[in-house]
Amino acid sequence: MGFAEKQDLEGTARRSSRGRMPSGKPNPVDVYVGSRVLLRRTLLGLSQEKLGEAIGLTFQQVQKYERGANRIGASRLWDLSRVLDCPVSYFFEDMEDDVQAASPRNLTERTEEPEHKDSDPMTKRETLELVRAYYKITDPQVRRRIYELAKSLAAAEGAILEDG
């Protein structure tokens, strides 16, 4: 193998691992941004196929973005924010400190992966379905009553847990 071919192979290996954790897993920041794409798409009731069509991708590519397997570039993030009707900052909101610390900029300083928080209720399908059903209620008074009911049930649950 010649020098140029070896250089090309080394460059390809470097590019393919860029931004990944030392274990080869996707970077937690990319996984988080992808989960926010998934959350927003689901809240809007869009399929991966419809989102892909809107931004010129296949549903498989959208799927890879949502899993964090593929990194989302700035121009694609801009397109996603327009189609999903949210600011670009939405994709980074409420990011845990340990995920922020896994930024590719910090990868050379850190070798351990942060624990991923699976307990976030905003990532659960049940939450997404509840929010979608809530916004399908057209009568604002009924919607407000359901909101108040949910709040009072949560408060009562909290009081029971504190007393028990």
C-alpha atoms as a PDB file:
ATOM      1  CA  MET A   1       0.000   0.000   0.000  1.00  0.00           C
ATOM      2  CA  GLY A   2       1.376   3.376  -1.005  1.00  0.00           C
ATOM      3  CA  PHE A   3       1.759   6.435   1.211  1.00  0.00           C
ATOM      4  CA  ALA A   4      -1.265   8.250  -0.303  1.00  0.00           C
ATOM      5  CA  GLU A   5      -3.520   5.213   0.121  1.00  0.00           C
ATOM      6  CA  LYS A   6      -2.398   4.778   3.727  1.00  0.00           C
ATOM      7  CA  GLN A   7      -3.015   8.466   4.428  1.00  0.00           C
ATOM      8  CA  ASP A   8      -6.494   8.197   2.890  1.00  0.00           C
ATOM      9  CA  LEU A   9      -7.387   5.178   5.051  1.00  0.00           C
ATOM     10  CA  GLU A  10      -6.116   6.869   8.211  1.00  0.00           C
ATOM     11  CA  GLY A  11      -8.106  10.003   7.355  1.00  0.00           C
ATOM     12  CA  THR A  12     -11.251   7.921   6.858  1.00  0.00           C
ATOM     13  CA  ALA A  13     -10.776   6.199  10.215  1.00  0.00           C
ATOM     14  CA  ARG A  14     -10.271   9.551  11.942  1.00  0.00           C
ATOM     15  CA  ARG A  15     -13.367  11.036  10.330  1.00  0.00           C
ATOM     16  CA  SER A  16     -15.573   8.072  11.186  1.00  0.00           C
ATOM     17  CA  SER A  17     -14.638   8.162  14.880  1.00  0.00           C
ATOM     18  CA  ARG A  18     -14.782  11.928  15.270  1.00  0.00           C
ATOM     19  CA  GLY A  19     -17.161  12.933  18.045  1.00  0.00           C
ATOM     20  CA  ARG A  20     -17.650   9.368  19.286  1.00  0.00           C
ATOM     21  CA  MET A  21     -16.825   8.155  22.748  1.00  0.00           C
ATOM     22  CA  PRO A  22     -13.637   6.100  23.229  1.00  0.00           C
ATOM     23  CA  SER A  23     -15.875   3.003  23.312  1.00  0.00           C
ATOM     24  CA  GLY A  24     -17.083   3.821  19.786  1.00  0.00           C
ATOM     25  CA  LYS A  25     -20.601   4.659  20.960  1.00  0.00           C
ATOM     26  CA  PRO A  26     -22.269   7.864  19.708  1.00  0.00           C
ATOM     27  CA  ASN A  27     -21.458  10.983  21.680  1.00  0.00           C
ATOM     28  CA  PRO A  28     -24.108  11.671  24.376  1.00  0.00           C
ATOM     29  CA  VAL A  29     -24.552  15.217  23.045  1.00  0.00           C
ATOM     30  CA  ASP A  30     -25.517  13.805  19.622  1.00  0.00           C
ATOM     31  CA  VAL A  31     -27.836  11.289  21.300  1.00  0.00           C
ATOM     32  CA  TYR A  32     -29.466  14.095  23.314  1.00  0.00           C
ATOM     33  CA  VAL A  33     -29.978  16.339  20.273  1.00  0.00           C
ATOM     34  CA  GLY A  34     -31.437  13.361  18.406  1.00  0.00           C
ATOM     35  CA  SER A  35     -33.817  12.643  21.281  1.00  0.00           C
ATOM     36  CA  ARG A  36     -35.023  16.254  21.114  1.00  0.00           C
ATOM     37  CA  VAL A  37     -35.678  15.833  17.356  1.00  0.00           C
ATOM     38  CA  LEU A  38     -37.673  12.686  18.177  1.00  0.00           C
ATOM     39  CA  LEU A  39     -39.580  14.444  20.967  1.00  0.00           C
ATOM     40  CA  ARG A  40     -40.551  17.428  18.812  1.00  0.00           C
ATOM     41  CA  ARG A  41     -41.438  15.263  15.799  1.00  0.00           C
ATOM     42  CA  THR A  42     -43.651  13.057  17.965  1.00  0.00           C
ATOM     43  CA  LEU A  43     -45.330  16.027  19.654  1.00  0.00           C
ATOM     44  CA  LEU A  44     -46.210  17.370  16.209  1.00  0.00           C
ATOM     45  CA  GLY A  45     -47.484  13.962  15.102  1.00  0.00           C
ATOM     46  CA  LEU A  46     -45.039  13.682  12.201  1.00  0.00           C
ATOM     47  CA  SER A  47     -43.732  10.336  10.991  1.00  0.00           C
ATOM     48  CA  GLN A  48     -40.041   9.866  10.301  1.00  0.00           C
ATOM     49  CA  GLU A  49     -40.967   9.545   6.648  1.00  0.00           C
ATOM     50  CA  LYS A  50     -42.832  12.906   6.577  1.00  0.00           C
ATOM     51  CA  LEU A  51     -40.001  14.672   8.388  1.00  0.00           C
ATOM     52  CA  GLY A  52     -37.487  13.129   6.009  1.00  0.00           C
ATOM     53  CA  GLU A  53     -39.474  14.292   2.974  1.00  0.00           C
ATOM     54  CA  ALA A  54     -39.642  17.820   4.383  1.00  0.00           C
ATOM     55  CA  ILE A  55     -35.854  18.071   4.713  1.00  0.00           C
ATOM     56  CA  GLY A  56     -34.805  15.867   1.806  1.00  0.00           C
ATOM     57  CA  LEU A  57     -33.798  12.720   3.709  1.00  0.00           C
ATOM     58  CA  THR A  58     -34.959   9.122   3.920  1.00  0.00           C
ATOM     59  CA  PHE A  59     -36.737   7.943   7.057  1.00  0.00           C
ATOM     60  CA  GLN A  60     -33.664   5.793   7.799  1.00  0.00           C
ATOM     61  CA  GLN A  61     -31.493   8.910   7.914  1.00  0.00           C
ATOM     62  CA  VAL A  62     -33.986  10.603  10.257  1.00  0.00           C
ATOM     63  CA  GLN A  63     -33.920   7.456  12.399  1.00  0.00           C
ATOM     64  CA  LYS A  64     -30.113   7.617  12.628  1.00  0.00           C
ATOM     65  CA  TYR A  65     -30.271  11.283  13.636  1.00  0.00           C
ATOM     66  CA  GLU A  66     -32.835  10.499  16.336  1.00  0.00           C
ATOM     67  CA  ARG A  67     -30.664   7.703  17.777  1.00  0.00           C
ATOM     68  CA  GLY A  68     -27.545   9.873  17.663  1.00  0.00           C
ATOM     69  CA  ALA A  69     -25.853   7.408  15.300  1.00  0.00           C
ATOM     70  CA  ASN A  70     -25.341  10.238  12.791  1.00  0.00           C
ATOM     71  CA  ARG A  71     -24.324  13.714  13.879  1.00  0.00           C
ATOM     72  CA  ILE A  72     -26.537  16.598  12.799  1.00  0.00           C
ATOM     73  CA  GLY A  73     -24.681  19.412  11.043  1.00  0.00           C
ATOM     74  CA  ALA A  74     -25.525  23.074  11.535  1.00  0.00           C
ATOM     75  CA  SER A  75     -27.392  23.536   8.245  1.00  0.00           C
ATOM     76  CA  ARG A  76     -29.435  20.360   8.837  1.00  0.00           C
ATOM     77  CA  LEU A  77     -30.219  21.503  12.394  1.00  0.00           C
ATOM     78  CA  TRP A  78     -31.411  24.796  10.938  1.00  0.00           C
ATOM     79  CA  ASP A  79     -33.683  22.929   8.490  1.00  0.00           C
ATOM     80  CA  LEU A  80     -35.026  20.759  11.305  1.00  0.00           C
ATOM     81  CA  SER A  81     -35.800  23.811  13.434  1.00  0.00           C
ATOM     82  CA  ARG A  82     -37.803  25.334  10.559  1.00  0.00           C
ATOM     83  CA  VAL A  83     -39.757  22.148   9.784  1.00  0.00           C
ATOM     84  CA  LEU A  84     -40.353  21.331  13.465  1.00  0.00           C
ATOM     85  CA  ASP A  85     -41.280  24.971  14.178  1.00  0.00           C
ATOM     86  CA  CYS A  86     -38.891  25.531  17.073  1.00  0.00           C
ATOM     87  CA  PRO A  87     -35.741  27.556  17.683  1.00  0.00           C
ATOM     88  CA  VAL A  88     -32.378  25.835  17.187  1.00  0.00           C
ATOM     89  CA  SER A  89     -31.770  26.294  20.926  1.00  0.00           C
ATOM     90  CA  TYR A  90     -34.659  23.879  21.591  1.00  0.00           C
ATOM     91  CA  PHE A  91     -32.414  20.956  20.647  1.00  0.00           C
ATOM     92  CA  PHE A  92     -30.019  21.824  23.498  1.00  0.00           C
ATOM     93  CA  GLU A  93     -32.467  22.902  26.229  1.00  0.00           C
ATOM     94  CA  ASP A  94     -32.425  21.084  29.580  1.00  0.00           C
ATOM     95  CA  MET A  95     -29.295  19.122  28.700  1.00  0.00           C
ATOM     96  CA  GLU A  96     -27.830  17.437  31.783  1.00  0.00           C
ATOM     97  CA  ASP A  97     -24.396  18.598  32.958  1.00  0.00           C
ATOM     98  CA  ASP A  98     -22.864  15.161  32.426  1.00  0.00           C
ATOM     99  CA  VAL A  99     -24.059  15.148  28.803  1.00  0.00           C
ATOM    100  CA  GLN A 100     -22.670  18.659  28.257  1.00  0.00           C
ATOM    101  CA  ALA A 101     -19.348  17.473  29.640  1.00  0.00           C
ATOM    102  CA  ALA A 102     -19.223  14.801  26.912  1.00  0.00           C
ATOM    103  CA  SER A 103     -18.852  17.458  24.236  1.00  0.00           C
ATOM    104  CA  PRO A 104     -16.263  16.423  21.616  1.00  0.00           C
ATOM    105  CA  ARG A 105     -14.192  19.371  22.827  1.00  0.00           C
ATOM    106  CA  ASN A 106     -13.852  17.600  26.185  1.00  0.00           C
ATOM    107  CA  LEU A 107     -13.299  14.073  24.855  1.00  0.00           C
ATOM    108  CA  THR A 108      -9.532  14.295  25.066  1.00  0.00           C
ATOM    109  CA  GLU A 109      -9.806  15.264  28.728  1.00  0.00           C
ATOM    110  CA  ARG A 110     -12.391  12.598  29.652  1.00  0.00           C
ATOM    111  CA  THR A 111     -12.367   8.914  28.933  1.00  0.00           C
ATOM    112  CA  GLU A 112     -15.411   7.743  30.890  1.00  0.00           C
ATOM    113  CA  GLU A 113     -18.925   7.999  29.515  1.00  0.00           C
ATOM    114  CA  PRO A 114     -21.590   9.847  31.472  1.00  0.00           C
ATOM    115  CA  GLU A 115     -24.552   7.901  32.757  1.00  0.00           C
ATOM    116  CA  HIS A 116     -27.592   8.489  30.598  1.00  0.00           C
ATOM    117  CA  LYS A 117     -30.715   9.514  32.447  1.00  0.00           C
ATOM    118  CA  ASP A 118     -33.468   7.103  31.350  1.00  0.00           C
ATOM    119  CA  SER A 119     -35.817   8.435  33.998  1.00  0.00           C
ATOM    120  CA  ASP A 120     -36.602  11.698  32.165  1.00  0.00           C
ATOM    121  CA  PRO A 121     -40.405  11.710  31.770  1.00  0.00           C
ATOM    122  CA  MET A 122     -40.129  13.929  28.679  1.00  0.00           C
ATOM    123  CA  THR A 123     -38.582  11.056  26.731  1.00  0.00           C
ATOM    124  CA  LYS A 124     -41.332   8.553  27.526  1.00  0.00           C
ATOM    125  CA  ARG A 125     -43.930   7.656  24.895  1.00  0.00           C
ATOM    126  CA  GLU A 126     -46.670   7.932  27.529  1.00  0.00           C
ATOM    127  CA  THR A 127     -45.813  11.609  28.071  1.00  0.00           C
ATOM    128  CA  LEU A 128     -45.815  12.345  24.361  1.00  0.00           C
ATOM    129  CA  GLU A 129     -49.157  10.616  23.837  1.00  0.00           C
ATOM    130  CA  LEU A 130     -50.666  12.441  26.805  1.00  0.00           C
ATOM    131  CA  VAL A 131     -49.539  15.832  25.498  1.00  0.00           C
ATOM    132  CA  ARG A 132     -50.832  15.055  21.993  1.00  0.00           C
ATOM    133  CA  ALA A 133     -54.210  13.927  23.369  1.00  0.00           C
ATOM    134  CA  TYR A 134     -54.381  17.033  25.577  1.00  0.00           C
ATOM    135  CA  TYR A 135     -53.897  19.377  22.622  1.00  0.00           C
ATOM    136  CA  LYS A 136     -56.525  17.539  20.591  1.00  0.00           C
ATOM    137  CA  ILE A 137     -59.122  18.790  23.082  1.00  0.00           C
ATOM    138  CA  THR A 138     -60.571  21.806  21.293  1.00  0.00           C
ATOM    139  CA  ASP A 139     -62.580  23.309  24.172  1.00  0.00           C
ATOM    140  CA  PRO A 140     -60.197  25.547  26.168  1.00  0.00           C
ATOM    141  CA  GLN A 141     -62.329  25.228  29.336  1.00  0.00           C
ATOM    142  CA  VAL A 142     -62.224  21.419  29.225  1.00  0.00           C
ATOM    143  CA  ARG A 143     -58.480  21.543  28.576  1.00  0.00           C
ATOM    144  CA  ARG A 144     -58.018  23.896  31.543  1.00  0.00           C
ATOM    145  CA  ARG A 145     -60.054  21.596  33.828  1.00  0.00           C
ATOM    146  CA  ILE A 146     -57.961  18.588  32.833  1.00  0.00           C
ATOM    147  CA  TYR A 147     -54.820  20.610  33.514  1.00  0.00           C
ATOM    148  CA  GLU A 148     -56.102  21.602  36.975  1.00  0.00           C
ATOM    149  CA  LEU A 149     -57.159  17.998  37.676  1.00  0.00           C
ATOM    150  CA  ALA A 150     -53.701  16.681  36.789  1.00  0.00           C
ATOM    151  CA  LYS A 151     -52.050  19.308  39.002  1.00  0.00           C
ATOM    152  CA  SER A 152     -54.303  18.537  41.967  1.00  0.00           C
ATOM    153  CA  LEU A 153     -53.781  14.781  41.582  1.00  0.00           C
ATOM    154  CA  ALA A 154     -50.012  15.295  41.496  1.00  0.00           C
ATOM    155  CA  ALA A 155     -50.181  17.553  44.562  1.00  0.00           C
ATOM    156  CA  ALA A 156     -52.299  14.996  46.435  1.00  0.00           C
ATOM    157  CA  GLU A 157     -49.855  12.229  45.462  1.00  0.00           C
ATOM    158  CA  GLY A 158     -46.962  14.372  46.724  1.00  0.00           C
ATOM    159  CA  ALA A 159     -48.737  15.038  50.025  1.00  0.00           C
ATOM    160  CA  ILE A 160     -49.389  11.315  50.506  1.00  0.00           C
ATOM    161  CA  LEU A 161     -45.730  10.487  49.802  1.00  0.00           C
ATOM    162  CA  GLU A 162     -44.528  13.186  52.229  1.00  0.00           C
ATOM    163  CA  ASP A 163     -46.877  11.992  55.004  1.00  0.00           C
ATOM    164  CA  GLY A 164     -46.201   8.272  54.400  1.00  0.00           C
END
